[in-house]
Protein backbone atom coordinates (compact mmCIF):
# COMPACT_ATOMS: atom_id res chain seq x y z
CA MET A 1 134.65 66.94 51.81
CA ASP A 2 133.39 68.19 55.18
CA GLN A 3 132.69 71.59 53.65
CA THR A 4 130.58 69.99 50.92
CA VAL A 5 128.54 68.03 53.46
CA ASP A 6 128.10 71.17 55.58
CA ALA A 7 127.06 73.17 52.50
CA VAL A 8 124.46 70.55 51.55
CA ALA A 9 123.14 70.40 55.12
CA TRP A 10 122.96 74.20 55.31
CA THR A 11 121.13 74.34 51.98
CA ARG A 12 118.55 71.85 53.27
CA VAL A 13 118.07 73.86 56.47
CA ARG A 14 117.63 77.05 54.47
CA GLU A 15 115.19 75.45 52.01
CA ARG A 16 113.10 73.61 54.58
CA PRO A 17 111.37 76.63 56.17
CA ALA A 18 110.11 77.64 52.73
CA GLN A 19 108.19 74.35 52.66
CA ARG A 20 106.36 75.31 55.87
CA PHE A 21 103.68 77.84 56.55
CA ASP A 22 104.77 80.89 58.50
CA ALA A 23 104.32 80.98 62.29
CA VAL A 24 101.32 83.33 62.22
CA SER A 25 99.46 81.11 59.73
CA ILE A 26 100.20 78.07 61.87
CA VAL A 27 98.96 79.73 65.07
CA LEU A 28 95.79 80.99 63.38
CA HIS A 29 95.13 77.55 61.86
CA TRP A 30 95.34 75.77 65.21
CA LEU A 31 93.40 78.53 67.00
CA THR A 32 90.63 78.08 64.42
CA ALA A 33 90.69 74.32 65.01
CA LEU A 34 90.39 74.77 68.79
CA LEU A 35 87.54 77.25 68.42
CA VAL A 36 85.65 74.91 66.07
CA VAL A 37 86.11 71.97 68.44
CA GLY A 38 84.80 74.22 71.22
CA GLN A 39 81.85 75.22 69.05
CA PHE A 40 80.81 71.65 68.39
CA GLY A 41 81.40 70.65 72.01
CA LEU A 42 79.22 73.46 73.31
CA ALA A 43 76.51 72.74 70.72
CA LEU A 44 76.37 69.12 71.94
CA LEU A 45 76.20 70.26 75.57
CA VAL A 46 73.31 72.62 74.75
CA GLN A 47 71.33 69.63 73.49
CA ARG A 48 72.31 67.18 76.23
CA LEU A 49 72.29 69.38 79.34
CA PRO A 50 69.17 71.56 79.32
CA GLU A 51 69.86 72.82 82.85
CA VAL A 52 72.99 74.68 81.62
CA ALA A 53 71.86 75.24 78.03
CA ALA A 54 71.68 79.03 78.36
CA SER A 55 75.29 79.39 79.49
CA MET A 56 76.51 76.82 76.94
CA LEU A 57 74.65 78.67 74.19
CA ALA A 58 76.24 81.95 75.32
CA GLY A 59 79.65 80.28 75.08
CA HIS A 60 78.77 78.84 71.67
CA ARG A 61 77.84 82.31 70.42
CA PHE A 62 81.00 83.86 71.86
CA PHE A 63 83.17 81.18 70.21
CA GLY A 64 81.26 81.81 66.97
CA VAL A 65 82.18 85.49 67.03
CA MET A 66 85.79 84.61 67.90
CA THR A 67 85.91 82.05 65.07
CA TRP A 68 84.61 84.62 62.61
CA MET A 69 87.20 87.18 63.73
CA VAL A 70 90.08 84.68 63.59
CA VAL A 71 89.06 83.51 60.10
CA VAL A 72 88.84 87.10 58.84
CA GLY A 73 92.29 87.67 60.37
CA ARG A 74 93.58 84.52 58.65
CA LEU A 75 92.29 85.69 55.28
CA VAL A 76 93.78 89.17 55.70
CA TRP A 77 97.11 87.66 56.80
CA ARG A 78 97.02 85.17 53.95
CA ARG A 79 96.42 87.94 51.42
CA THR A 80 99.02 90.35 52.77
CA ALA A 81 101.93 88.58 54.47
CA ALA A 82 101.59 84.81 54.71
CA ARG A 83 104.15 82.38 53.37
CA LEU A 84 102.24 79.71 51.49
CA PRO A 85 104.40 76.73 50.62
CA PRO A 86 103.79 75.06 47.27
CA PHE A 87 102.07 71.71 47.03
CA PRO A 88 104.46 68.76 47.13
CA PRO A 89 105.58 67.63 43.67
CA SER A 90 103.96 64.23 44.32
CA MET A 91 100.46 65.78 44.32
CA SER A 92 98.67 65.63 40.97
CA LYS A 93 96.80 68.65 39.58
CA PRO A 94 93.39 67.11 40.45
CA GLN A 95 94.57 66.51 44.04
CA GLN A 96 95.81 70.09 44.25
CA ALA A 97 92.47 71.34 42.90
CA ALA A 98 90.57 69.20 45.44
CA ALA A 99 92.75 70.49 48.31
CA THR A 100 92.22 74.09 47.19
CA ALA A 101 88.45 73.59 46.82
CA ASN A 102 88.23 72.04 50.29
CA GLU A 103 90.25 74.90 51.76
CA TYR A 104 88.04 77.58 50.17
CA ALA A 105 84.88 75.75 51.19
CA LEU A 106 86.16 75.54 54.77
CA TYR A 107 86.86 79.29 54.79
CA ALA A 108 83.41 80.03 53.35
CA LEU A 109 81.61 77.90 55.92
CA LEU A 110 83.72 79.22 58.79
CA LEU A 111 82.59 82.71 57.79
CA LEU A 112 78.95 81.81 57.09
CA GLN A 113 78.26 79.65 60.15
CA PRO A 114 78.58 82.47 62.71
CA LEU A 115 76.42 84.70 60.51
CA THR A 116 73.62 82.14 60.17
CA GLY A 117 73.86 81.49 63.91
CA LEU A 118 73.59 85.19 64.69
CA GLY A 119 70.67 85.56 62.28
CA ASP A 120 68.99 82.52 63.84
CA THR A 121 69.29 84.16 67.25
CA LEU A 122 68.16 87.62 66.14
CA PHE A 123 65.10 86.49 64.22
CA ARG A 124 64.05 84.04 66.94
CA GLY A 125 62.75 87.02 68.89
CA HIS A 126 64.59 86.58 72.20
CA ALA A 127 67.15 88.82 73.84
CA PHE A 128 70.59 87.26 74.11
CA ARG A 129 74.01 87.83 75.63
CA LEU A 130 77.23 87.88 73.68
CA GLY A 131 80.21 88.24 75.94
CA LEU A 132 79.70 91.40 77.98
CA TRP A 133 76.86 92.72 75.85
CA THR A 134 73.15 91.98 75.98
CA PHE A 135 71.26 92.37 72.72
CA PRO A 136 67.53 93.10 72.93
CA ALA A 137 64.97 91.01 71.12
CA LEU A 138 63.67 92.25 67.79
CA PRO A 139 60.33 94.00 68.28
CA THR A 140 58.68 91.60 65.82
CA PRO A 141 60.33 88.19 65.43
CA ASP A 142 60.26 86.73 61.94
CA LYS A 143 59.59 83.01 62.31
CA PRO A 144 60.03 82.05 58.61
CA VAL A 145 63.40 83.82 58.47
CA PHE A 146 64.37 82.26 61.81
CA HIS A 147 63.48 78.77 60.56
CA ALA A 148 65.42 79.29 57.32
CA LEU A 149 68.52 80.55 59.16
CA HIS A 150 68.23 77.80 61.78
CA ALA A 151 68.11 75.16 59.03
CA ALA A 152 71.04 76.82 57.23
CA HIS A 153 73.03 76.82 60.47
CA GLU A 154 72.35 73.14 61.12
CA TRP A 155 73.08 72.06 57.53
CA GLY A 156 76.18 74.25 57.58
CA ALA A 157 77.40 72.45 60.71
CA TRP A 158 77.03 69.08 58.98
CA ALA A 159 78.77 70.38 55.86
CA LEU A 160 81.56 71.80 58.02
CA LEU A 161 81.98 68.42 59.73
CA ALA A 162 82.19 66.71 56.34
CA LEU A 163 84.82 69.16 55.07
CA ILE A 164 86.83 68.84 58.27
CA GLY A 165 86.62 65.06 57.92
CA LEU A 166 87.98 65.29 54.35
CA HIS A 167 90.73 67.64 55.55
CA LEU A 168 91.72 65.23 58.33
CA ALA A 169 91.55 62.18 56.05
CA ALA A 170 93.81 63.88 53.49
CA THR A 171 96.22 64.89 56.25
CA LEU A 172 96.40 61.31 57.52
CA LEU A 173 96.86 60.01 53.98
CA HIS A 174 99.82 62.34 53.48
CA ALA A 175 101.29 61.64 56.90
CA LEU A 176 100.88 57.86 57.11
CA VAL A 177 100.76 56.62 53.52
CA ARG A 178 102.48 59.11 51.25
CA ARG A 179 104.89 60.41 53.91
CA ASP A 180 105.43 63.61 51.95
CA GLU A 181 105.62 66.00 54.93
CA VAL A 182 102.36 67.81 54.17
CA LEU A 183 101.44 67.56 57.87
CA GLN A 184 104.79 68.97 58.99
CA ARG A 185 104.10 72.16 57.02
CA MET A 186 101.38 73.12 59.52
CA LEU A 187 102.78 71.70 62.75
CA PRO A 188 104.08 74.20 65.32
């Protein structure tokens, strides 16, 4: 009898990791989350503290580049080596489709936001620093393109907040109501 119990316990231990994302995916997920929180925090500081706006904006840009690089790394990892656990059996097909759509939309915005921010900065017509490098101003700024990219960057930030809110709400629903261990799949 003890051997049967041990065999069942061992089977559960062996099966459980397959229900979790791999360690690299988990680290990249939480690194992305920290970078995005930093992005929004710095963007708020730029607006509220004009005396340090230039350094906050430099940090915001640097985090934007880092976010873009981490997301590209996540997508490459996901395509080549990641372990992607299946959806829990309790999730209906429409819920699975909604989760997948939200995930792809998050990836798209996380890739587009840094690009619209960079375009906003370039077409504004001012030199700017990005980490150790200083980029010169364009010889002729393009105000209509700047305004379009600036608007796209701001609307993208709101859309990103909405998608993150949906992601968090779904996570809390799974963790607190459904208790189906969806959250545990991405916890370190």
